[in-house]
Amino acid sequence: MVPVRLIRAQNDFHKSHPDQRLCQATIRTMDELASLLGPSEVCYISQDDKARVAIGITAANVQAPMLMHMQYRVKLPDHDWVVAAGHKLIPSVYAGIAVDRNGLGMPGAVGYSGPTYVAIRSGKHCSSTALSHCMDYERLLNLPEFNSITKSSDERVKPIVMFSVDGGPDENPRYNKVIEVAIHHFVSHDLDAIFIFTNAPGRSAHNRAERRMAPLSRPLSGLILPHNYYGNHLDAAGKTIDMDLEKQNFEKAGTTLAEVWSEVVFDEYPCVAEYVDPNYYEFSQDRLNVKDQYWFSEHVRTSQYFTQIVQFQSQLLDRICQKCSLYFASKVMLKSHMIVHKKKTQSASAVVEKEFIVTRTRPVRIAAMRQREIMAIIVSDDNNGFPQSTETSEGHPMEVSHGLLGHP
């Protein structure tokens, strides 16, 4: 008999990606920016959809230390099959991230602690979309547990919002629907900036929301969520025969899961879990504040892993010289600076006029005359007073400028 234990989970076998360092630098820069702006200005949220929780079977198996005799074959229980297709719940986890007030310019000021919100939806009657995340953010703004994350001291929505996402199709910052939802938040709440960023593919385990999953999974060990609390809505083949009864059973299972998770505490921060009505599980497309491409070109900048929406700083443009693009701290300074360009313009005009000024010069005498031609002698200062002769042909009238003779 020898004690045997399983080796702890390792996270050094993640697949590498050529963009992983770029994404890490972007996330580090966002953390640094959040620390510079401070917690009174920044709302930092890490969001992620977690593995679906099955209904009617054990939600999570208990893992505990055990003693095994190596002479015996290790036997595992038979697989727990889902009661019916789609009988699962979708938990969308939103981790509010607290920013340290004393970490000016330090990425480490953005930690892992903060309140948690879990929106639980039916896996059969709902789906996770950008519009569902839109509704969840609007819900966060009304939760008192998230006031320290989403609102300033004057109860206004914080002007800077940062979303750290896992890069799924419903959250990826380069997808149009996600950008449309971000524009809606930006316009509806009169924000100064929204930043959405993600890690490289295969690196989502480093998302801050992952730190919340271990405490959330622990109370599910051995828990079985009821699938027929109000009665059986399935036939012998596992097909739904009563849609309304099925929704009621899903609601009971989702409410039970929400009650379990609402008792979890993360570093003295609360967890709020709610079941979302499948009839109103996402934000209405018709209610989105949509902007045209002209607005888009001025405010939105996108890339593979990062999207930003910022205010158009008209005050900055009013203080930039349109001649040399030099920025001034005030409009008075800019007005004084424009005198320089005015003098330069006047000097340049005088030079041009001096170069192209036309003067009339009379010849000293006519040396010879031929048909349609005149040979004349003139004196020009350009030649230091030495006389020069110039011929004109064709007999057309011309003017003399800088020693050139024309027919008078």
Protein backbone atom coordinates (compact mmCIF):
# COMPACT_ATOMS: atom_id res chain seq x y z
CA MET A 1 0.00 0.00 0.00
CA VAL A 2 1.47 3.35 -1.05
CA PRO A 3 -0.23 6.73 -1.06
CA VAL A 4 -0.88 8.01 -4.60
CA ARG A 5 -2.13 11.40 -5.64
CA LEU A 6 -2.76 12.98 -9.00
CA ILE A 7 -0.33 15.61 -10.28
CA ARG A 8 -1.71 19.12 -10.14
CA ALA A 9 -3.11 20.69 -13.28
CA GLN A 10 -0.46 22.20 -15.52
CA ASN A 11 -0.96 25.24 -17.73
CA ASP A 12 2.34 25.21 -19.61
CA PHE A 13 1.04 23.15 -22.54
CA HIS A 14 -0.95 25.95 -24.13
CA LYS A 15 -0.51 26.29 -27.85
CA SER A 16 1.75 29.14 -28.85
CA HIS A 17 0.58 31.77 -31.30
CA PRO A 18 2.65 34.26 -33.34
CA ASP A 19 0.50 37.15 -32.07
CA GLN A 20 0.57 36.27 -28.39
CA ARG A 21 3.27 38.81 -27.51
CA LEU A 22 1.42 41.53 -29.40
CA CYS A 23 -1.76 40.78 -27.47
CA GLN A 24 0.10 40.64 -24.17
CA ALA A 25 1.63 44.05 -24.87
CA THR A 26 -1.81 45.45 -25.72
CA ILE A 27 -3.33 44.13 -22.49
CA ARG A 28 -0.39 45.45 -20.48
CA THR A 29 -0.83 48.86 -22.10
CA MET A 30 -4.53 48.87 -21.24
CA ASP A 31 -3.70 48.02 -17.63
CA GLU A 32 -1.18 50.84 -17.53
CA LEU A 33 -3.70 53.27 -19.00
CA ALA A 34 -6.30 52.20 -16.42
CA SER A 35 -3.81 52.81 -13.63
CA LEU A 36 -3.00 56.28 -15.01
CA LEU A 37 -6.64 57.34 -15.32
CA GLY A 38 -7.56 55.83 -11.97
CA PRO A 39 -10.60 53.97 -10.60
CA SER A 40 -12.79 57.06 -10.60
CA GLU A 41 -12.61 57.27 -14.40
CA VAL A 42 -12.25 53.65 -15.58
CA CYS A 43 -14.77 50.81 -15.62
CA TYR A 44 -12.76 47.62 -16.17
CA ILE A 45 -14.74 44.43 -16.94
CA SER A 46 -13.52 40.98 -17.90
CA GLN A 47 -16.27 38.94 -19.56
CA ASP A 48 -16.43 35.33 -20.69
CA ASP A 49 -18.99 32.62 -21.44
CA LYS A 50 -18.22 29.54 -19.39
CA ALA A 51 -18.86 25.85 -19.96
CA ARG A 52 -22.54 24.98 -20.02
CA VAL A 53 -24.06 23.51 -16.88
CA ALA A 54 -26.09 20.37 -17.52
CA ILE A 55 -29.60 19.90 -16.13
CA GLY A 56 -30.72 16.61 -14.63
CA ILE A 57 -27.24 15.18 -14.03
CA THR A 58 -24.40 16.04 -11.69
CA ALA A 59 -23.21 19.53 -12.50
CA ALA A 60 -19.64 18.83 -11.34
CA ASN A 61 -17.99 15.72 -9.98
CA VAL A 62 -16.34 15.79 -6.57
CA GLN A 63 -12.57 15.61 -6.67
CA ALA A 64 -10.89 14.55 -3.42
CA PRO A 65 -7.61 12.91 -2.33
CA MET A 66 -7.75 9.10 -2.32
CA LEU A 67 -5.63 6.06 -1.50
CA MET A 68 -5.27 3.42 -4.19
CA HIS A 69 -3.68 -0.02 -4.21
CA MET A 70 -1.78 -0.29 -7.44
CA GLN A 71 -2.62 -3.98 -7.76
CA TYR A 72 -6.24 -3.25 -8.58
CA ARG A 73 -7.60 -1.82 -11.77
CA VAL A 74 -9.02 1.68 -11.40
CA LYS A 75 -12.68 1.70 -12.39
CA LEU A 76 -14.64 4.81 -13.28
CA PRO A 77 -18.41 5.22 -13.15
CA ASP A 78 -20.40 5.12 -16.35
CA HIS A 79 -20.81 8.40 -18.24
CA ASP A 80 -23.74 10.60 -17.24
CA TRP A 81 -25.79 11.27 -20.33
CA VAL A 82 -27.73 14.49 -20.69
CA VAL A 83 -31.45 14.05 -20.19
CA ALA A 84 -32.29 15.62 -23.57
CA ALA A 85 -30.65 17.71 -26.24
CA GLY A 86 -30.09 21.32 -25.20
CA HIS A 87 -30.86 20.72 -21.54
CA LYS A 88 -28.05 22.96 -20.36
CA LEU A 89 -27.65 26.42 -18.93
CA ILE A 90 -25.35 29.11 -20.39
CA PRO A 91 -23.53 31.16 -17.72
CA SER A 92 -22.10 34.49 -18.91
CA VAL A 93 -19.61 35.72 -16.31
CA TYR A 94 -18.73 39.41 -15.90
CA ALA A 95 -15.84 40.07 -13.55
CA GLY A 96 -15.57 43.63 -12.32
CA ILE A 97 -11.89 44.53 -11.84
CA ALA A 98 -10.92 46.93 -9.08
CA VAL A 99 -8.14 49.40 -9.92
CA ASP A 100 -5.74 50.53 -7.19
CA ARG A 101 -5.73 54.27 -6.59
CA ASN A 102 -2.05 54.34 -5.66
CA GLY A 103 -0.69 52.48 -8.68
CA LEU A 104 -0.15 55.42 -11.01
CA GLY A 105 1.35 54.11 -14.26
CA MET A 106 1.81 50.57 -12.93
CA PRO A 107 0.06 47.70 -14.79
CA GLY A 108 0.01 45.75 -11.53
CA ALA A 109 -2.51 48.24 -10.15
CA VAL A 110 -5.15 46.36 -12.15
CA GLY A 111 -5.68 43.21 -10.09
CA TYR A 112 -8.08 40.27 -10.19
CA SER A 113 -10.53 41.12 -7.43
CA GLY A 114 -13.95 42.70 -7.70
CA PRO A 115 -17.67 41.92 -7.83
CA THR A 116 -19.03 39.25 -10.17
CA TYR A 117 -22.21 39.08 -12.20
CA VAL A 118 -23.45 35.86 -13.81
CA ALA A 119 -26.29 35.95 -16.34
CA ILE A 120 -27.76 32.43 -16.66
CA ARG A 121 -29.67 31.60 -19.84
CA SER A 122 -31.38 28.55 -21.22
CA GLY A 123 -29.14 26.65 -23.59
CA LYS A 124 -32.14 25.53 -25.62
CA HIS A 125 -34.20 28.71 -25.85
CA CYS A 126 -31.41 31.30 -25.90
CA SER A 127 -27.97 31.89 -27.34
CA SER A 128 -24.96 33.99 -26.45
CA THR A 129 -24.73 36.95 -28.82
CA ALA A 130 -23.38 40.47 -28.89
CA LEU A 131 -26.91 41.71 -28.20
CA SER A 132 -27.18 39.49 -25.12
CA HIS A 133 -23.94 40.93 -23.79
CA CYS A 134 -25.33 44.39 -24.54
CA MET A 135 -28.30 43.70 -22.28
CA ASP A 136 -26.02 42.31 -19.57
CA TYR A 137 -23.93 45.50 -19.50
CA GLU A 138 -27.08 47.59 -19.17
CA ARG A 139 -28.02 45.35 -16.25
CA LEU A 140 -24.63 45.92 -14.62
CA LEU A 141 -25.30 49.65 -14.54
CA ASN A 142 -28.34 49.04 -12.33
CA LEU A 143 -26.70 46.68 -9.85
CA PRO A 144 -25.69 48.37 -6.57
CA GLU A 145 -22.96 45.75 -6.11
CA PHE A 146 -21.27 47.14 -9.26
CA ASN A 147 -21.56 50.84 -8.45
CA SER A 148 -17.89 51.04 -7.48
CA ILE A 149 -16.95 49.57 -10.88
CA THR A 150 -19.40 51.21 -13.27
CA LYS A 151 -20.18 54.61 -11.72
CA SER A 152 -18.32 57.62 -10.40
CA SER A 153 -18.92 59.26 -7.04
CA ASP A 154 -21.63 61.47 -8.57
CA GLU A 155 -23.58 58.36 -9.72
CA ARG A 156 -22.76 58.99 -13.38
CA VAL A 157 -21.46 56.25 -15.66
CA LYS A 158 -17.68 56.28 -15.73
CA PRO A 159 -16.40 57.91 -18.95
CA ILE A 160 -13.84 55.19 -19.79
CA VAL A 161 -14.97 51.56 -20.28
CA MET A 162 -12.58 48.66 -20.89
CA PHE A 163 -13.78 45.18 -21.89
CA SER A 164 -11.39 42.25 -21.74
CA VAL A 165 -12.97 39.41 -23.73
CA ASP A 166 -12.03 35.88 -24.77
CA GLY A 167 -12.28 36.42 -28.54
CA GLY A 168 -15.33 34.24 -29.20
CA PRO A 169 -17.67 35.02 -32.12
CA ASP A 170 -20.05 36.88 -29.81
CA GLU A 171 -17.31 38.99 -28.20
CA ASN A 172 -14.50 39.38 -30.74
CA PRO A 173 -13.59 43.07 -31.06
CA ARG A 174 -13.20 42.90 -34.86
CA TYR A 175 -16.75 41.73 -35.60
CA ASN A 176 -19.28 44.27 -36.83
CA LYS A 177 -22.03 43.32 -34.40
CA VAL A 178 -19.71 43.71 -31.41
CA ILE A 179 -18.60 47.13 -32.69
CA GLU A 180 -22.22 48.20 -33.22
CA VAL A 181 -23.02 47.31 -29.61
CA ALA A 182 -19.95 49.22 -28.40
CA ILE A 183 -21.06 52.28 -30.41
CA HIS A 184 -24.48 52.00 -28.78
CA HIS A 185 -22.93 52.09 -25.29
CA PHE A 186 -20.64 54.94 -26.32
CA VAL A 187 -23.47 57.13 -27.61
CA SER A 188 -26.17 56.17 -25.07
CA HIS A 189 -24.02 56.91 -22.02
CA ASP A 190 -21.99 59.80 -23.49
CA LEU A 191 -18.68 58.05 -22.89
CA ASP A 192 -15.23 59.41 -23.65
CA ALA A 193 -13.75 56.07 -24.75
CA ILE A 194 -14.46 52.35 -25.04
CA PHE A 195 -11.68 49.80 -25.43
CA ILE A 196 -12.33 46.14 -26.34
CA PHE A 197 -9.35 43.81 -26.42
CA THR A 198 -8.66 40.09 -26.41
CA ASN A 199 -5.78 37.68 -26.09
CA ALA A 200 -4.38 35.55 -28.90
CA PRO A 201 -6.21 32.32 -29.86
CA GLY A 202 -5.58 29.54 -27.39
CA ARG A 203 -4.61 31.98 -24.62
CA SER A 204 -8.04 32.70 -23.15
CA ALA A 205 -7.07 30.88 -19.94
CA HIS A 206 -5.23 34.07 -18.96
CA ASN A 207 -8.47 36.05 -18.97
CA ARG A 208 -9.22 37.51 -15.55
CA ALA A 209 -12.69 35.98 -15.55
CA GLU A 210 -11.06 32.55 -15.40
CA ARG A 211 -9.96 33.29 -11.83
CA ARG A 212 -13.62 33.39 -10.80
CA MET A 213 -14.44 29.91 -12.11
CA ALA A 214 -12.79 27.81 -9.41
CA PRO A 215 -14.93 29.30 -6.60
CA LEU A 216 -18.02 29.02 -8.82
CA SER A 217 -17.36 25.38 -9.67
CA ARG A 218 -16.76 24.24 -6.09
CA PRO A 219 -20.39 24.49 -4.86
CA LEU A 220 -21.58 22.55 -7.94
CA SER A 221 -19.82 19.37 -6.82
CA GLY A 222 -22.51 16.73 -6.49
CA LEU A 223 -25.32 19.19 -7.28
CA ILE A 224 -28.11 17.99 -9.60
CA LEU A 225 -30.34 20.69 -11.06
CA PRO A 226 -33.94 19.50 -11.52
CA HIS A 227 -35.19 19.07 -15.05
CA ASN A 228 -38.83 18.16 -14.25
CA TYR A 229 -39.65 20.18 -11.14
CA TYR A 230 -43.09 21.21 -12.41
CA GLY A 231 -43.67 17.96 -14.31
CA ASN A 232 -42.14 15.97 -17.12
CA HIS A 233 -42.15 17.85 -20.43
CA LEU A 234 -40.44 15.04 -22.37
CA ASP A 235 -41.75 11.91 -24.01
CA ALA A 236 -40.11 8.48 -23.91
CA ALA A 237 -37.73 9.47 -26.74
CA GLY A 238 -36.59 12.58 -24.88
CA LYS A 239 -38.42 15.01 -27.18
CA THR A 240 -40.29 18.04 -25.89
CA ILE A 241 -44.06 17.69 -25.83
CA ASP A 242 -44.92 20.78 -23.78
CA MET A 243 -42.95 23.94 -24.59
CA ASP A 244 -44.43 26.10 -21.81
CA LEU A 245 -43.78 23.44 -19.18
CA GLU A 246 -40.24 23.07 -20.48
CA LYS A 247 -39.56 26.78 -20.03
CA GLN A 248 -40.89 26.62 -16.48
CA ASN A 249 -38.58 23.72 -15.65
CA PHE A 250 -35.61 25.55 -17.18
CA GLU A 251 -36.45 28.62 -15.13
CA LYS A 252 -36.52 26.55 -11.93
CA ALA A 253 -33.15 24.99 -12.73
CA GLY A 254 -31.65 28.38 -13.63
CA THR A 255 -33.04 30.01 -10.49
CA THR A 256 -31.61 27.20 -8.35
CA LEU A 257 -28.19 27.66 -9.92
CA ALA A 258 -28.42 31.43 -9.40
CA GLU A 259 -29.20 30.94 -5.71
CA VAL A 260 -26.17 28.70 -5.27
CA TRP A 261 -23.79 31.10 -7.01
CA SER A 262 -25.18 34.19 -5.26
CA GLU A 263 -23.79 32.84 -2.00
CA VAL A 264 -20.23 32.76 -3.31
CA VAL A 265 -17.84 35.49 -2.12
CA PHE A 266 -14.64 36.50 -3.98
CA ASP A 267 -12.07 38.29 -1.83
CA GLU A 268 -14.90 39.89 0.16
CA TYR A 269 -16.64 40.94 -3.07
CA PRO A 270 -20.19 39.66 -3.76
CA CYS A 271 -21.44 37.54 -6.63
CA VAL A 272 -24.80 38.35 -8.25
CA ALA A 273 -26.35 35.57 -10.35
CA GLU A 274 -29.68 35.84 -12.18
CA TYR A 275 -31.72 33.73 -14.54
CA VAL A 276 -32.63 35.58 -17.73
CA ASP A 277 -36.10 35.23 -19.18
CA PRO A 278 -35.75 33.43 -22.56
CA ASN A 279 -38.43 35.69 -24.05
CA TYR A 280 -36.23 38.77 -23.40
CA TYR A 281 -32.73 37.40 -23.35
CA GLU A 282 -31.03 39.95 -25.63
CA PHE A 283 -31.14 43.64 -26.48
CA SER A 284 -33.47 44.62 -29.31
CA GLN A 285 -31.74 45.38 -32.61
CA ASP A 286 -34.20 48.21 -33.28
CA ARG A 287 -33.10 50.04 -30.13
CA LEU A 288 -29.42 50.22 -31.04
CA ASN A 289 -27.94 53.65 -31.66
CA VAL A 290 -26.44 53.14 -35.12
CA LYS A 291 -24.04 55.64 -36.72
CA ASP A 292 -23.02 56.13 -40.32
CA GLN A 293 -19.60 55.64 -41.87
CA TYR A 294 -18.67 59.32 -41.50
CA TRP A 295 -19.09 59.06 -37.73
CA PHE A 296 -17.32 55.69 -37.79
CA SER A 297 -14.27 57.10 -39.59
CA GLU A 298 -13.86 59.85 -36.99
CA HIS A 299 -14.36 57.85 -33.80
CA VAL A 300 -13.59 54.14 -34.39
CA ARG A 301 -10.26 52.39 -34.90
CA THR A 302 -10.16 48.61 -35.27
CA SER A 303 -7.60 45.82 -35.53
CA GLN A 304 -7.47 42.03 -35.23
CA TYR A 305 -7.47 41.97 -31.43
CA PHE A 306 -8.35 45.51 -30.41
CA THR A 307 -11.07 48.10 -31.04
CA GLN A 308 -11.27 51.60 -29.63
CA ILE A 309 -13.99 54.24 -29.81
CA VAL A 310 -13.03 57.72 -28.65
CA GLN A 311 -14.57 61.17 -28.57
CA PHE A 312 -13.74 63.59 -31.40
CA GLN A 313 -11.58 66.20 -29.57
CA SER A 314 -12.77 69.37 -31.27
CA GLN A 315 -11.04 71.56 -28.67
CA LEU A 316 -7.70 70.12 -29.67
CA LEU A 317 -8.33 70.90 -33.33
CA ASP A 318 -9.23 74.49 -32.47
CA ARG A 319 -5.77 74.91 -30.94
CA ILE A 320 -3.77 73.46 -33.84
CA CYS A 321 -2.24 75.74 -36.46
CA GLN A 322 -3.63 74.86 -39.88
CA LYS A 323 -0.41 76.07 -41.53
CA CYS A 324 2.26 74.15 -39.62
CA SER A 325 0.15 71.76 -37.44
CA LEU A 326 1.72 73.12 -34.25
CA TYR A 327 -0.38 72.69 -31.09
CA PHE A 328 -0.87 75.52 -28.57
CA ALA A 329 -2.24 75.41 -25.06
CA SER A 330 -4.73 78.21 -25.73
CA LYS A 331 -6.45 79.94 -28.62
CA VAL A 332 -4.76 83.22 -27.64
CA MET A 333 -1.35 81.66 -28.26
CA LEU A 334 -2.53 80.32 -31.61
CA LYS A 335 -3.79 83.77 -32.62
CA SER A 336 -0.44 85.33 -31.75
CA HIS A 337 1.36 82.60 -33.67
CA MET A 338 -0.58 83.33 -36.86
CA ILE A 339 1.28 86.67 -37.15
CA VAL A 340 4.38 84.69 -38.09
CA HIS A 341 2.64 83.10 -41.06
CA LYS A 342 1.17 86.46 -42.06
CA LYS A 343 4.62 88.09 -42.22
CA LYS A 344 6.02 85.12 -44.11
CA THR A 345 3.21 85.43 -46.65
CA GLN A 346 3.82 89.15 -47.13
CA SER A 347 7.56 88.61 -47.57
CA ALA A 348 7.00 85.84 -50.09
CA SER A 349 4.56 88.02 -52.05
CA ALA A 350 7.09 90.85 -52.19
CA VAL A 351 9.76 88.52 -53.55
CA VAL A 352 7.41 87.25 -56.22
CA GLU A 353 6.42 90.73 -57.25
CA LYS A 354 10.08 91.79 -57.45
CA GLU A 355 10.97 88.82 -59.63
CA PHE A 356 8.10 89.22 -62.06
CA ILE A 357 7.63 92.99 -62.08
CA VAL A 358 7.34 94.40 -65.59
CA THR A 359 9.08 97.66 -66.46
CA ARG A 360 9.22 99.59 -69.74
CA THR A 361 12.68 100.40 -71.10
CA ARG A 362 13.36 102.64 -74.07
CA PRO A 363 16.25 101.71 -76.37
CA VAL A 364 19.30 104.01 -76.48
CA ARG A 365 19.32 103.97 -80.23
CA ILE A 366 18.22 101.84 -83.15
CA ALA A 367 21.21 100.20 -84.84
CA ALA A 368 19.50 98.79 -87.92
CA MET A 369 16.11 97.98 -89.36
CA ARG A 370 15.13 95.08 -91.56
CA GLN A 371 11.84 93.79 -92.78
CA ARG A 372 9.79 92.78 -89.75
CA GLU A 373 12.94 93.11 -87.54
CA ILE A 374 14.63 95.89 -85.52
CA MET A 375 18.14 95.89 -84.09
CA ALA A 376 18.31 98.17 -81.04
CA ILE A 377 20.84 98.95 -78.29
CA ILE A 378 19.68 99.26 -74.69
CA VAL A 379 21.41 99.71 -71.35
CA SER A 380 20.51 97.29 -68.53
CA ASP A 381 21.61 97.38 -64.89
CA ASP A 382 21.61 93.58 -64.85
CA ASN A 383 24.72 93.70 -67.04
CA ASN A 384 26.52 96.21 -64.80
CA GLY A 385 25.87 99.08 -67.21
CA PHE A 386 27.39 97.46 -70.30
CA PRO A 387 25.26 97.90 -73.41
CA GLN A 388 23.70 94.88 -75.01
CA SER A 389 21.92 94.37 -78.28
CA THR A 390 18.69 92.50 -78.69
CA GLU A 391 16.79 91.56 -81.79
CA THR A 392 13.07 91.23 -82.17
CA SER A 393 11.45 89.31 -84.94
CA GLU A 394 8.05 88.94 -86.50
CA GLY A 395 7.45 92.62 -85.85
CA HIS A 396 5.02 91.96 -82.95
CA PRO A 397 4.82 94.59 -80.18
CA MET A 398 6.69 93.47 -77.04
CA GLU A 399 7.72 95.06 -73.75
CA VAL A 400 11.24 95.24 -72.36
CA SER A 401 11.75 93.52 -69.00
CA HIS A 402 15.19 93.00 -67.42
CA GLY A 403 16.99 93.90 -70.65
CA LEU A 404 14.64 92.24 -73.15
CA LEU A 405 13.54 94.46 -75.97
CA GLY A 406 10.18 94.46 -77.58
CA HIS A 407 8.73 96.50 -80.37
CA PRO A 408 7.50 99.81 -78.89
